[in-house]
Amino acid sequence: MVDRNADAFANQLLALPVGDRARLAQLLLASIEGRDPSAAAAWDEEIDRRAAALTSGTVAGVPATDVFAAVERKLAR
């Protein structure tokens, strides 16, 4: 049986704005998964690689409106 206090707390959390819930979810996951010190460096390298590819013209950016429209089409299926 779930503690009623936990249920009440969960309901309060679920009533938060979506941005606050997302941030809370990130914090909770990070507390469970732990931090990999090499992850930040790996992300920095990936960001640099992608930025260089955009700058050099190796890849082209896609307008956000096109991306969101494609997502909407896929979700509508």
PDB file of N, CA and C in Angstrom:
ATOM      1  N   MET A   1       0.837  -1.183   0.000  1.00  0.00           N
ATOM      2  CA  MET A   1       0.000   0.000   0.000  1.00  0.00           C
ATOM      3  C   MET A   1       0.888   1.255   0.000  1.00  0.00           C
ATOM      4  N   VAL A   2       0.539   2.202  -0.848  1.00  0.00           N
ATOM      5  CA  VAL A   2       1.316   3.431  -0.952  1.00  0.00           C
ATOM      6  C   VAL A   2       0.908   4.378   0.169  1.00  0.00           C
ATOM      7  N   ASP A   3       1.883   4.964   0.780  1.00  0.00           N
ATOM      8  CA  ASP A   3       1.648   5.934   1.848  1.00  0.00           C
ATOM      9  C   ASP A   3       0.832   7.103   1.299  1.00  0.00           C
ATOM     10  N   ARG A   4      -0.192   7.502   2.010  1.00  0.00           N
ATOM     11  CA  ARG A   4      -1.036   8.617   1.544  1.00  0.00           C
ATOM     12  C   ARG A   4      -0.254   9.915   1.452  1.00  0.00           C
ATOM     13  N   ASN A   5       0.723  10.093   2.345  1.00  0.00           N
ATOM     14  CA  ASN A   5       1.548  11.290   2.263  1.00  0.00           C
ATOM     15  C   ASN A   5       2.334  11.318   0.963  1.00  0.00           C
ATOM     16  N   ALA A   6       2.827  10.170   0.543  1.00  0.00           N
ATOM     17  CA  ALA A   6       3.565  10.091  -0.720  1.00  0.00           C
ATOM     18  C   ALA A   6       2.637  10.398  -1.890  1.00  0.00           C
ATOM     19  N   ASP A   7       1.408   9.884  -1.835  1.00  0.00           N
ATOM     20  CA  ASP A   7       0.438  10.180  -2.898  1.00  0.00           C
ATOM     21  C   ASP A   7       0.130  11.669  -2.959  1.00  0.00           C
ATOM     22  N   ALA A   8      -0.066  12.287  -1.801  1.00  0.00           N
ATOM     23  CA  ALA A   8      -0.367  13.721  -1.752  1.00  0.00           C
ATOM     24  C   ALA A   8       0.815  14.526  -2.294  1.00  0.00           C
ATOM     25  N   PHE A   9       2.021  14.134  -1.920  1.00  0.00           N
ATOM     26  CA  PHE A   9       3.217  14.814  -2.392  1.00  0.00           C
ATOM     27  C   PHE A   9       3.339  14.669  -3.905  1.00  0.00           C
ATOM     28  N   ALA A  10       3.104  13.468  -4.409  1.00  0.00           N
ATOM     29  CA  ALA A  10       3.181  13.233  -5.851  1.00  0.00           C
ATOM     30  C   ALA A  10       2.157  14.093  -6.587  1.00  0.00           C
ATOM     31  N   ASN A  11       0.969  14.211  -6.051  1.00  0.00           N
ATOM     32  CA  ASN A  11      -0.061  15.040  -6.688  1.00  0.00           C
ATOM     33  C   ASN A  11       0.349  16.503  -6.719  1.00  0.00           C
ATOM     34  N   GLN A  12       0.988  16.974  -5.657  1.00  0.00           N
ATOM     35  CA  GLN A  12       1.471  18.350  -5.632  1.00  0.00           C
ATOM     36  C   GLN A  12       2.547  18.554  -6.703  1.00  0.00           C
ATOM     37  N   LEU A  13       3.441  17.585  -6.814  1.00  0.00           N
ATOM     38  CA  LEU A  13       4.505  17.686  -7.815  1.00  0.00           C
ATOM     39  C   LEU A  13       3.940  17.659  -9.227  1.00  0.00           C
ATOM     40  N   LEU A  14       2.950  16.824  -9.459  1.00  0.00           N
ATOM     41  CA  LEU A  14       2.347  16.721 -10.786  1.00  0.00           C
ATOM     42  C   LEU A  14       1.576  17.978 -11.165  1.00  0.00           C
ATOM     43  N   ALA A  15       1.228  18.787 -10.193  1.00  0.00           N
ATOM     44  CA  ALA A  15       0.514  20.037 -10.456  1.00  0.00           C
ATOM     45  C   ALA A  15       1.465  21.173 -10.851  1.00  0.00           C
ATOM     46  N   LEU A  16       2.760  20.944 -10.725  1.00  0.00           N
ATOM     47  CA  LEU A  16       3.744  21.969 -11.096  1.00  0.00           C
ATOM     48  C   LEU A  16       3.718  22.203 -12.603  1.00  0.00           C
ATOM     49  N   PRO A  17       4.149  23.375 -13.040  1.00  0.00           N
ATOM     50  CA  PRO A  17       4.270  23.622 -14.480  1.00  0.00           C
ATOM     51  C   PRO A  17       5.243  22.621 -15.111  1.00  0.00           C
ATOM     52  N   VAL A  18       5.044  22.343 -16.372  1.00  0.00           N
ATOM     53  CA  VAL A  18       5.824  21.309 -17.059  1.00  0.00           C
ATOM     54  C   VAL A  18       7.326  21.569 -16.988  1.00  0.00           C
ATOM     55  N   GLY A  19       7.751  22.811 -17.096  1.00  0.00           N
ATOM     56  CA  GLY A  19       9.178  23.110 -17.014  1.00  0.00           C
ATOM     57  C   GLY A  19       9.766  22.750 -15.663  1.00  0.00           C
ATOM     58  N   ASP A  20       9.019  23.027 -14.617  1.00  0.00           N
ATOM     59  CA  ASP A  20       9.478  22.675 -13.269  1.00  0.00           C
ATOM     60  C   ASP A  20       9.529  21.166 -13.085  1.00  0.00           C
ATOM     61  N   ARG A  21       8.539  20.463 -13.625  1.00  0.00           N
ATOM     62  CA  ARG A  21       8.537  18.991 -13.522  1.00  0.00           C
ATOM     63  C   ARG A  21       9.702  18.396 -14.293  1.00  0.00           C
ATOM     64  N   ALA A  22      10.016  18.968 -15.460  1.00  0.00           N
ATOM     65  CA  ALA A  22      11.146  18.469 -16.253  1.00  0.00           C
ATOM     66  C   ALA A  22      12.448  18.658 -15.497  1.00  0.00           C
ATOM     67  N   ARG A  23      12.625  19.825 -14.899  1.00  0.00           N
ATOM     68  CA  ARG A  23      13.844  20.087 -14.126  1.00  0.00           C
ATOM     69  C   ARG A  23      13.949  19.143 -12.937  1.00  0.00           C
ATOM     70  N   LEU A  24      12.836  18.929 -12.259  1.00  0.00           N
ATOM     71  CA  LEU A  24      12.811  18.005 -11.129  1.00  0.00           C
ATOM     72  C   LEU A  24      13.153  16.591 -11.591  1.00  0.00           C
ATOM     73  N   ALA A  25      12.613  16.185 -12.726  1.00  0.00           N
ATOM     74  CA  ALA A  25      12.917  14.854 -13.256  1.00  0.00           C
ATOM     75  C   ALA A  25      14.408  14.717 -13.546  1.00  0.00           C
ATOM     76  N   GLN A  26      15.009  15.767 -14.117  1.00  0.00           N
ATOM     77  CA  GLN A  26      16.451  15.737 -14.385  1.00  0.00           C
ATOM     78  C   GLN A  26      17.238  15.564 -13.091  1.00  0.00           C
ATOM     79  N   LEU A  27      16.860  16.309 -12.085  1.00  0.00           N
ATOM     80  CA  LEU A  27      17.561  16.227 -10.805  1.00  0.00           C
ATOM     81  C   LEU A  27      17.416  14.849 -10.170  1.00  0.00           C
ATOM     82  N   LEU A  28      16.205  14.299 -10.230  1.00  0.00           N
ATOM     83  CA  LEU A  28      15.985  12.975  -9.643  1.00  0.00           C
ATOM     84  C   LEU A  28      16.767  11.900 -10.388  1.00  0.00           C
ATOM     85  N   LEU A  29      16.744  11.950 -11.710  1.00  0.00           N
ATOM     86  CA  LEU A  29      17.500  10.961 -12.492  1.00  0.00           C
ATOM     87  C   LEU A  29      18.993  11.070 -12.227  1.00  0.00           C
ATOM     88  N   ALA A  30      19.487  12.290 -12.151  1.00  0.00           N
ATOM     89  CA  ALA A  30      20.910  12.480 -11.884  1.00  0.00           C
ATOM     90  C   ALA A  30      21.287  11.918 -10.519  1.00  0.00           C
ATOM     91  N   SER A  31      20.379  12.017  -9.559  1.00  0.00           N
ATOM     92  CA  SER A  31      20.685  11.506  -8.227  1.00  0.00           C
ATOM     93  C   SER A  31      20.713   9.984  -8.205  1.00  0.00           C
ATOM     94  N   ILE A  32      20.023   9.362  -9.132  1.00  0.00           N
ATOM     95  CA  ILE A  32      19.982   7.894  -9.208  1.00  0.00           C
ATOM     96  C   ILE A  32      21.142   7.372 -10.051  1.00  0.00           C
ATOM     97  N   GLU A  33      21.364   8.002 -11.180  1.00  0.00           N
ATOM     98  CA  GLU A  33      22.351   7.515 -12.137  1.00  0.00           C
ATOM     99  C   GLU A  33      23.776   7.874 -11.767  1.00  0.00           C
ATOM    100  N   GLY A  34      23.944   8.905 -10.990  1.00  0.00           N
ATOM    101  CA  GLY A  34      25.292   9.363 -10.699  1.00  0.00           C
ATOM    102  C   GLY A  34      25.839  10.162 -11.863  1.00  0.00           C
ATOM    103  N   ARG A  35      26.987  10.717 -11.682  1.00  0.00           N
ATOM    104  CA  ARG A  35      27.600  11.559 -12.710  1.00  0.00           C
ATOM    105  C   ARG A  35      28.853  10.883 -13.247  1.00  0.00           C
ATOM    106  N   ASP A  36      28.949  10.872 -14.547  1.00  0.00           N
ATOM    107  CA  ASP A  36      30.137  10.352 -15.215  1.00  0.00           C
ATOM    108  C   ASP A  36      31.009  11.548 -15.568  1.00  0.00           C
ATOM    109  N   PRO A  37      32.166  11.678 -14.934  1.00  0.00           N
ATOM    110  CA  PRO A  37      33.004  12.854 -15.184  1.00  0.00           C
ATOM    111  C   PRO A  37      33.408  13.022 -16.638  1.00  0.00           C
ATOM    112  N   SER A  38      33.485  11.934 -17.376  1.00  0.00           N
ATOM    113  CA  SER A  38      33.888  12.053 -18.776  1.00  0.00           C
ATOM    114  C   SER A  38      32.721  12.464 -19.676  1.00  0.00           C
ATOM    115  N   ALA A  39      31.497  12.419 -19.163  1.00  0.00           N
ATOM    116  CA  ALA A  39      30.334  12.749 -19.985  1.00  0.00           C
ATOM    117  C   ALA A  39      30.351  14.204 -20.427  1.00  0.00           C
ATOM    118  N   ALA A  40      30.671  15.122 -19.524  1.00  0.00           N
ATOM    119  CA  ALA A  40      30.696  16.543 -19.882  1.00  0.00           C
ATOM    120  C   ALA A  40      31.731  16.799 -20.971  1.00  0.00           C
ATOM    121  N   ALA A  41      32.888  16.197 -20.845  1.00  0.00           N
ATOM    122  CA  ALA A  41      33.934  16.379 -21.862  1.00  0.00           C
ATOM    123  C   ALA A  41      33.482  15.788 -23.198  1.00  0.00           C
ATOM    124  N   ALA A  42      32.827  14.645 -23.149  1.00  0.00           N
ATOM    125  CA  ALA A  42      32.343  14.014 -24.380  1.00  0.00           C
ATOM    126  C   ALA A  42      31.297  14.893 -25.061  1.00  0.00           C
ATOM    127  N   TRP A  43      30.400  15.482 -24.266  1.00  0.00           N
ATOM    128  CA  TRP A  43      29.397  16.383 -24.845  1.00  0.00           C
ATOM    129  C   TRP A  43      30.056  17.624 -25.426  1.00  0.00           C
ATOM    130  N   ASP A  44      31.049  18.153 -24.757  1.00  0.00           N
ATOM    131  CA  ASP A  44      31.765  19.318 -25.290  1.00  0.00           C
ATOM    132  C   ASP A  44      32.384  18.993 -26.646  1.00  0.00           C
ATOM    133  N   GLU A  45      32.994  17.814 -26.757  1.00  0.00           N
ATOM    134  CA  GLU A  45      33.592  17.393 -28.028  1.00  0.00           C
ATOM    135  C   GLU A  45      32.525  17.245 -29.106  1.00  0.00           C
ATOM    136  N   GLU A  46      31.379  16.669 -28.742  1.00  0.00           N
ATOM    137  CA  GLU A  46      30.292  16.476 -29.708  1.00  0.00           C
ATOM    138  C   GLU A  46      29.744  17.823 -30.183  1.00  0.00           C
ATOM    139  N   ILE A  47      29.592  18.750 -29.260  1.00  0.00           N
ATOM    140  CA  ILE A  47      29.111  20.088 -29.620  1.00  0.00           C
ATOM    141  C   ILE A  47      30.099  20.756 -30.571  1.00  0.00           C
ATOM    142  N   ASP A  48      31.383  20.669 -30.250  1.00  0.00           N
ATOM    143  CA  ASP A  48      32.408  21.254 -31.122  1.00  0.00           C
ATOM    144  C   ASP A  48      32.385  20.612 -32.503  1.00  0.00           C
ATOM    145  N   ARG A  49      32.237  19.284 -32.554  1.00  0.00           N
ATOM    146  CA  ARG A  49      32.205  18.571 -33.841  1.00  0.00           C
ATOM    147  C   ARG A  49      31.018  19.018 -34.676  1.00  0.00           C
ATOM    148  N   ARG A  50      29.852  19.111 -34.037  1.00  0.00           N
ATOM    149  CA  ARG A  50      28.652  19.518 -34.777  1.00  0.00           C
ATOM    150  C   ARG A  50      28.737  20.973 -35.239  1.00  0.00           C
ATOM    151  N   ALA A  51      29.264  21.841 -34.385  1.00  0.00           N
ATOM    152  CA  ALA A  51      29.412  23.248 -34.766  1.00  0.00           C
ATOM    153  C   ALA A  51      30.368  23.380 -35.942  1.00  0.00           C
ATOM    154  N   ALA A  52      31.460  22.632 -35.917  1.00  0.00           N
ATOM    155  CA  ALA A  52      32.425  22.673 -37.018  1.00  0.00           C
ATOM    156  C   ALA A  52      31.790  22.171 -38.310  1.00  0.00           C
ATOM    157  N   ALA A  53      30.975  21.137 -38.224  1.00  0.00           N
ATOM    158  CA  ALA A  53      30.314  20.602 -39.413  1.00  0.00           C
ATOM    159  C   ALA A  53      29.347  21.624 -40.006  1.00  0.00           C
ATOM    160  N   LEU A  54      28.650  22.345 -39.148  1.00  0.00           N
ATOM    161  CA  LEU A  54      27.750  23.393 -39.637  1.00  0.00           C
ATOM    162  C   LEU A  54      28.534  24.533 -40.266  1.00  0.00           C
ATOM    163  N   THR A  55      29.591  24.959 -39.598  1.00  0.00           N
ATOM    164  CA  THR A  55      30.396  26.077 -40.079  1.00  0.00           C
ATOM    165  C   THR A  55      31.058  25.759 -41.416  1.00  0.00           C
ATOM    166  N   SER A  56      31.548  24.539 -41.559  1.00  0.00           N
ATOM    167  CA  SER A  56      32.240  24.162 -42.798  1.00  0.00           C
ATOM    168  C   SER A  56      31.283  23.844 -43.940  1.00  0.00           C
ATOM    169  N   GLY A  57      30.006  23.705 -43.632  1.00  0.00           N
ATOM    170  CA  GLY A  57      29.041  23.380 -44.673  1.00  0.00           C
ATOM    171  C   GLY A  57      28.925  21.887 -44.938  1.00  0.00           C
ATOM    172  N   THR A  58      29.594  21.072 -44.132  1.00  0.00           N
ATOM    173  CA  THR A  58      29.509  19.617 -44.286  1.00  0.00           C
ATOM    174  C   THR A  58      28.071  19.142 -44.077  1.00  0.00           C
ATOM    175  N   VAL A  59      27.389  19.787 -43.154  1.00  0.00           N
ATOM    176  CA  VAL A  59      25.971  19.498 -42.913  1.00  0.00           C
ATOM    177  C   VAL A  59      25.215  20.819 -42.968  1.00  0.00           C
ATOM    178  N   ALA A  60      23.932  20.710 -43.215  1.00  0.00           N
ATOM    179  CA  ALA A  60      23.087  21.907 -43.249  1.00  0.00           C
ATOM    180  C   ALA A  60      22.079  21.825 -42.115  1.00  0.00           C
ATOM    181  N   GLY A  61      21.795  22.966 -41.552  1.00  0.00           N
ATOM    182  CA  GLY A  61      20.778  23.017 -40.512  1.00  0.00           C
ATOM    183  C   GLY A  61      19.393  22.845 -41.108  1.00  0.00           C
ATOM    184  N   VAL A  62      18.468  22.423 -40.283  1.00  0.00           N
ATOM    185  CA  VAL A  62      17.078  22.275 -40.703  1.00  0.00           C
ATOM    186  C   VAL A  62      16.260  23.272 -39.881  1.00  0.00           C
ATOM    187  N   PRO A  63      15.458  24.105 -40.546  1.00  0.00           N
ATOM    188  CA  PRO A  63      14.658  25.068 -39.797  1.00  0.00           C
ATOM    189  C   PRO A  63      13.758  24.365 -38.772  1.00  0.00           C
ATOM    190  N   ALA A  64      13.657  24.965 -37.604  1.00  0.00           N
ATOM    191  CA  ALA A  64      12.858  24.372 -36.527  1.00  0.00           C
ATOM    192  C   ALA A  64      11.423  24.132 -36.970  1.00  0.00           C
ATOM    193  N   THR A  65      10.874  25.029 -37.784  1.00  0.00           N
ATOM    194  CA  THR A  65       9.482  24.834 -38.226  1.00  0.00           C
ATOM    195  C   THR A  65       9.344  23.542 -39.030  1.00  0.00           C
ATOM    196  N   ASP A  66      10.356  23.219 -39.831  1.00  0.00           N
ATOM    197  CA  ASP A  66      10.324  21.963 -40.590  1.00  0.00           C
ATOM    198  C   ASP A  66      10.410  20.760 -39.664  1.00  0.00           C
ATOM    199  N   VAL A  67      11.269  20.842 -38.670  1.00  0.00           N
ATOM    200  CA  VAL A  67      11.439  19.742 -37.718  1.00  0.00           C
ATOM    201  C   VAL A  67      10.141  19.514 -36.954  1.00  0.00           C
ATOM    202  N   PHE A  68       9.552  20.607 -36.439  1.00  0.00           N
ATOM    203  CA  PHE A  68       8.316  20.472 -35.661  1.00  0.00           C
ATOM    204  C   PHE A  68       7.174  19.948 -36.521  1.00  0.00           C
ATOM    205  N   ALA A  69       7.114  20.382 -37.780  1.00  0.00           N
ATOM    206  CA  ALA A  69       6.070  19.889 -38.688  1.00  0.00           C
ATOM    207  C   ALA A  69       6.225  18.390 -38.921  1.00  0.00           C
ATOM    208  N   ALA A  70       7.457  17.924 -39.091  1.00  0.00           N
ATOM    209  CA  ALA A  70       7.698  16.489 -39.280  1.00  0.00           C
ATOM    210  C   ALA A  70       7.297  15.697 -38.046  1.00  0.00           C
ATOM    211  N   VAL A  71       7.607  16.221 -36.878  1.00  0.00           N
ATOM    212  CA  VAL A  71       7.218  15.549 -35.634  1.00  0.00           C
ATOM    213  C   VAL A  71       5.698  15.487 -35.527  1.00  0.00           C
ATOM    214  N   GLU A  72       5.038  16.589 -35.823  1.00  0.00           N
ATOM    215  CA  GLU A  72       3.572  16.624 -35.762  1.00  0.00           C
ATOM    216  C   GLU A  72       2.975  15.578 -36.715  1.00  0.00           C
ATOM    217  N   ARG A  73       3.527  15.458 -37.920  1.00  0.00           N
ATOM    218  CA  ARG A  73       3.027  14.461 -38.873  1.00  0.00           C
ATOM    219  C   ARG A  73       3.198  13.053 -38.332  1.00  0.00           C
ATOM    220  N   LYS A  74       4.361  12.770 -37.733  1.00  0.00           N
ATOM    221  CA  LYS A  74       4.597  11.438 -37.199  1.00  0.00           C
ATOM    222  C   LYS A  74       3.693  11.134 -36.005  1.00  0.00           C
ATOM    223  N   LEU A  75       3.458  12.121 -35.182  1.00  0.00           N
ATOM    224  CA  LEU A  75       2.592  11.912 -34.014  1.00  0.00           C
ATOM    225  C   LEU A  75       1.132  11.753 -34.400  1.00  0.00           C
ATOM    226  N   ALA A  76       0.753  12.313 -35.541  1.00  0.00           N
ATOM    227  CA  ALA A  76      -0.628  12.242 -35.988  1.00  0.00           C
ATOM    228  C   ALA A  76      -0.997  10.878 -36.553  1.00  0.00           C
ATOM    229  N   ARG A  77      -0.010  10.048 -36.819  1.00  0.00           N
ATOM    230  CA  ARG A  77      -0.265   8.718 -37.403  1.00  0.00           C
ATOM    231  C   ARG A  77      -0.998   7.821 -36.448  1.00  0.00           C
TER     232      ARG A  77
END
